[in-house]
C-alpha cells in the first residue's frame, strides 16, 4: 500500500516527458469558452420561456374547447 503524505509526492502532467502543453496548463485565457457557455445557456433559457408560453397558450385553447363542448 502506498502512503502519500504531501503533494510533492504526486507526479503531475507537468513533470512527464513528452507532455504536450494544453491551454489549461500554459495559462492561456479560457474566456472564449465561458462566453460560449453563457451564450448557449441564454439561448436555452429563451427556448424554455418560449416553450412555456406556447404550452400555456395551448392549455388555454384546450380549456376553451372543453368549455364549449360542455356549455
Protein backbone atom coordinates (compact mmCIF):
# COMPACT_ATOMS: atom_id res chain seq x y z
CA UNK A 1 0.00 0.00 0.00
CA UNK A 2 1.29 3.46 -0.91
CA UNK A 3 1.06 6.29 1.58
CA UNK A 4 1.04 9.80 0.12
CA UNK A 5 1.99 12.40 2.67
CA UNK A 6 2.46 15.59 0.64
CA UNK A 7 1.56 16.97 -2.77
CA UNK A 8 5.21 16.79 -3.81
CA UNK A 9 4.86 13.01 -3.96
CA UNK A 10 2.12 13.21 -6.60
CA UNK A 11 3.52 13.21 -10.12
CA UNK A 12 1.71 15.76 -12.26
CA UNK A 13 1.41 16.02 -16.03
CA UNK A 14 3.85 18.96 -15.97
CA UNK A 15 6.64 16.60 -14.96
CA UNK A 16 6.09 13.97 -17.65
CA UNK A 17 8.49 13.84 -20.58
CA UNK A 18 6.86 14.40 -23.95
CA UNK A 19 3.86 16.06 -22.37
CA UNK A 20 2.06 18.30 -24.82
CA UNK A 21 1.05 21.60 -23.32
CA UNK A 22 -2.61 22.46 -23.43
CA UNK A 23 -4.37 25.75 -22.78
CA UNK A 24 -5.15 25.00 -19.16
CA UNK A 25 -1.54 24.32 -18.24
CA UNK A 26 0.02 27.12 -20.29
CA UNK A 27 -2.18 29.81 -18.77
CA UNK A 28 -3.95 30.82 -21.99
CA UNK A 29 -7.26 32.53 -21.30
CA UNK A 30 -10.31 30.29 -21.40
CA UNK A 31 -12.70 33.28 -21.55
CA UNK A 32 -13.92 32.37 -25.04
CA UNK A 33 -15.19 29.05 -23.70
CA UNK A 34 -17.02 30.83 -20.89
CA UNK A 35 -18.62 33.21 -23.37
CA UNK A 36 -19.79 30.24 -25.42
CA UNK A 37 -21.28 28.54 -22.38
CA UNK A 38 -23.07 31.73 -21.32
CA UNK A 39 -24.44 32.26 -24.82
CA UNK A 40 -25.69 28.67 -25.02
CA UNK A 41 -27.34 28.90 -21.63
CA UNK A 42 -29.05 32.17 -22.58
CA UNK A 43 -30.38 30.52 -25.74
CA UNK A 44 -31.66 27.57 -23.69
CA UNK A 45 -33.33 30.00 -21.29
CA UNK A 46 -35.06 31.82 -24.16
CA UNK A 47 -36.18 28.49 -25.64
CA UNK A 48 -37.56 27.33 -22.29
CA UNK A 49 -39.50 30.56 -21.89
CA UNK A 50 -40.93 30.33 -25.43
CA UNK A 51 -41.94 26.71 -24.81
CA UNK A 52 -43.59 27.67 -21.51
CA UNK A 53 -45.58 30.41 -23.26
CA UNK A 54 -46.55 28.04 -26.05
CA UNK A 55 -47.75 25.40 -23.58
CA UNK A 56 -49.70 28.00 -21.61
CA UNK A 57 -51.44 29.20 -24.79
CA UNK A 58 -52.18 25.62 -25.89
CA UNK A 59 -53.65 24.84 -22.47
CA UNK A 60 -55.92 27.92 -22.65
CA UNK A 61 -57.14 26.84 -26.10
CA UNK A 62 -57.77 23.32 -24.78
CA UNK A 63 -59.76 24.60 -21.81
CA UNK A 64 -61.86 26.89 -24.01
CA UNK A 65 -62.70 23.98 -26.35
CA UNK A 66 -63.70 21.82 -23.39
CA UNK A 67 -65.91 24.62 -22.07
CA UNK A 68 -67.63 24.99 -25.48
CA UNK A 69 -68.34 21.26 -25.64
CA UNK A 70 -69.90 21.21 -22.19
CA UNK A 71 -71.70 24.51 -22.36
